[in-house]
Each structure stands twice: as C-alpha cells, then as structure tokens.
Amino acid sequence: QVQLVESGGGLVQAGGSLRLSCAASGRAFRSYTMGWFRQAPGKEREFVAGISWSGYNTYYADSVAGRFTISRHNAKNLGYLEMNSLKPEDTAVYYCAADLRVQFGIHHAVSYEYWGQGTQVTVSL
C-alpha cells in the first residue's frame, strides 16, 4: 500500500507561485509513476502533470505547460508540483496520485491506484 498526503495549497494572487508537496509512505513509491490532478467544482478531474519513477520523463497538460514543474525526491518519498504564473482558472483541489503500472497512460486518472486527500489551491484575481 502507498499512502499519499498533499500539502502546500492555499490562497495566492494571480501571477503568484505555490509549491505543492506529496508525501508518500512505503518504499515502493520509488518505483511508482506519480501524477498530479486537479478538480474544480462542476468539472472532471483533469491531468496536470506526471513524472516517471526515475524522474527523467515528465509530462504536462497544455494548460499548465511552461508554468508548472513536476519533480520528485525518491529518497525522501516526496513529490512536488511547483506552480508559477498562477491564474484564476488554476483554482481547484489538487491531488497527488501514484501507480506502478499506469495501464491507461500517465495522463489518465483511471491509471492511478493511490490518491491523496487533495489540497485546495485558490488563485485570486
């Protein structure tokens, strides 16, 4: 089992920055693909960013590419999402997710078995 806990969310003004952290339990996290997803009221949970187990391969939704950076520190069982140039449309609950196989692809929520509880990010104008 992998337990994930997000932190770092909060209120920030447009154009500002925020860094989310994902703390994982279990040594196996080192071998897991990690993703960040977000969900706003009335919207489907959407892919934000993903990173391979090695950290060498990263993927971003078009909506955040160039503004967000995903990273991980496997030795500390930590994942990160650095968010810059935040926009009001980035407002959502952000979730960290992890999976060993990501059978349906790194971009898809259904690929991930393990999820954190979410952390709220609110971007004001």
Protein backbone atom coordinates (compact mmCIF):
# COMPACT_ATOMS: atom_id res chain seq x y z
CA GLN A 1 0.00 0.00 0.00
CA VAL A 2 1.01 3.56 -0.72
CA GLN A 3 -0.38 6.42 1.30
CA LEU A 4 -0.18 9.92 -0.14
CA VAL A 5 -0.65 13.23 1.60
CA GLU A 6 -0.63 16.55 -0.24
CA SER A 7 0.27 19.84 1.33
CA GLY A 8 1.16 23.36 0.31
CA GLY A 9 -2.13 24.56 -1.05
CA GLY A 10 -3.56 27.90 -0.16
CA LEU A 11 -4.65 31.27 -1.43
CA VAL A 12 -2.44 33.12 -3.85
CA GLN A 13 -2.95 36.05 -6.15
CA ALA A 14 -2.85 35.72 -9.90
CA GLY A 15 0.70 35.68 -11.17
CA GLY A 16 1.98 34.25 -7.94
CA SER A 17 3.59 30.93 -7.18
CA LEU A 18 2.91 27.97 -4.98
CA ARG A 19 4.63 24.66 -4.41
CA LEU A 20 2.68 21.58 -3.57
CA SER A 21 4.22 18.60 -1.86
CA CYS A 22 3.16 14.98 -1.90
CA ALA A 23 4.46 12.85 0.94
CA ALA A 24 4.29 9.14 0.27
CA SER A 25 4.55 6.24 2.64
CA GLY A 26 6.08 2.98 1.59
CA ARG A 27 9.38 2.25 -0.03
CA ALA A 28 7.65 1.16 -3.23
CA PHE A 29 6.91 4.78 -4.09
CA ARG A 30 10.37 4.89 -5.59
CA SER A 31 9.14 2.63 -8.38
CA TYR A 32 5.82 4.36 -8.96
CA THR A 33 4.81 6.82 -11.58
CA MET A 34 3.44 9.93 -9.92
CA GLY A 35 0.86 12.31 -11.23
CA TRP A 36 -0.86 15.48 -10.20
CA PHE A 37 -4.50 16.01 -11.00
CA ARG A 38 -6.92 18.75 -10.16
CA GLN A 39 -10.65 19.06 -9.87
CA ALA A 40 -12.73 22.20 -9.75
CA PRO A 41 -16.42 22.27 -8.86
CA GLY A 42 -18.51 21.12 -11.80
CA LYS A 43 -15.50 19.84 -13.70
CA GLU A 44 -13.99 16.44 -14.25
CA ARG A 45 -10.76 15.57 -12.57
CA GLU A 46 -8.07 16.57 -15.02
CA PHE A 47 -4.47 15.69 -15.54
CA VAL A 48 -1.96 18.35 -14.58
CA ALA A 49 1.45 16.74 -14.65
CA GLY A 50 3.12 13.37 -14.42
CA ILE A 51 6.58 12.04 -13.77
CA SER A 52 8.14 8.64 -14.31
CA TRP A 53 9.65 6.66 -11.47
CA SER A 54 13.13 7.79 -12.45
CA GLY A 55 12.16 11.42 -12.69
CA TYR A 56 13.64 11.68 -16.17
CA ASN A 57 10.33 11.77 -18.01
CA THR A 58 7.84 14.49 -17.27
CA TYR A 59 4.50 15.31 -18.83
CA TYR A 60 2.26 18.34 -18.61
CA ALA A 61 -1.21 19.33 -19.55
CA ASP A 62 -1.24 22.03 -22.20
CA SER A 63 -2.97 24.34 -19.76
CA VAL A 64 -0.01 24.33 -17.36
CA ALA A 65 2.97 23.63 -19.59
CA GLY A 66 5.63 26.25 -19.14
CA ARG A 67 4.19 27.36 -15.82
CA PHE A 68 4.23 24.23 -13.66
CA THR A 69 7.11 21.90 -12.90
CA ILE A 70 6.76 18.41 -11.50
CA SER A 71 9.61 16.77 -9.66
CA ARG A 72 10.31 14.09 -7.12
CA HIS A 73 12.84 13.16 -4.50
CA ASN A 74 12.53 9.42 -4.20
CA ALA A 75 14.95 9.06 -1.32
CA LYS A 76 12.60 11.21 0.73
CA ASN A 77 9.40 9.76 -0.70
CA LEU A 78 8.38 13.20 -1.83
CA GLY A 79 6.81 14.57 -4.95
CA TYR A 80 6.41 18.20 -5.84
CA LEU A 81 4.44 20.43 -8.10
CA GLU A 82 5.86 23.91 -8.49
CA MET A 83 3.26 26.26 -9.84
CA ASN A 84 4.21 29.61 -11.26
CA SER A 85 2.31 32.38 -13.02
CA LEU A 86 -0.87 31.13 -11.45
CA LYS A 87 -4.19 32.02 -13.00
CA PRO A 88 -7.67 32.06 -11.50
CA GLU A 89 -8.54 29.07 -13.69
CA ASP A 90 -5.93 27.07 -11.80
CA THR A 91 -8.20 27.17 -8.78
CA ALA A 92 -9.05 23.60 -7.84
CA VAL A 93 -8.39 20.83 -5.40
CA TYR A 94 -5.08 19.29 -6.37
CA TYR A 95 -4.47 15.60 -5.90
CA CYS A 96 -1.31 13.58 -5.89
CA ALA A 97 -1.58 10.12 -7.38
CA ALA A 98 0.73 7.16 -7.81
CA ASP A 99 0.67 3.88 -9.62
CA LEU A 100 3.10 1.18 -10.59
CA ARG A 101 1.75 0.24 -14.00
CA VAL A 102 -0.30 3.25 -15.20
CA GLN A 103 -2.07 0.90 -17.55
CA PHE A 104 -4.12 3.58 -19.30
CA GLY A 105 -1.33 6.06 -19.62
CA ILE A 106 0.20 8.65 -17.38
CA HIS A 107 -2.38 11.27 -18.39
CA HIS A 108 -5.43 9.38 -17.18
CA ALA A 109 -6.83 9.34 -13.68
CA VAL A 110 -8.04 5.77 -14.08
CA SER A 111 -4.43 4.66 -14.35
CA TYR A 112 -3.71 5.52 -10.74
CA GLU A 113 -4.49 3.30 -7.79
CA TYR A 114 -3.28 5.51 -4.98
CA TRP A 115 -4.54 9.01 -4.26
CA GLY A 116 -4.03 11.66 -1.67
CA GLN A 117 -6.82 13.57 0.00
CA GLY A 118 -6.27 16.71 -2.01
CA THR A 119 -5.15 20.22 -1.19
CA GLN A 120 -7.06 23.35 -2.13
CA VAL A 121 -5.43 25.92 -4.36
CA THR A 122 -7.26 29.18 -4.80
CA VAL A 123 -5.97 31.85 -7.14
CA SER A 124 -7.50 35.28 -6.76
CA LEU A 125 -7.56 37.93 -9.43
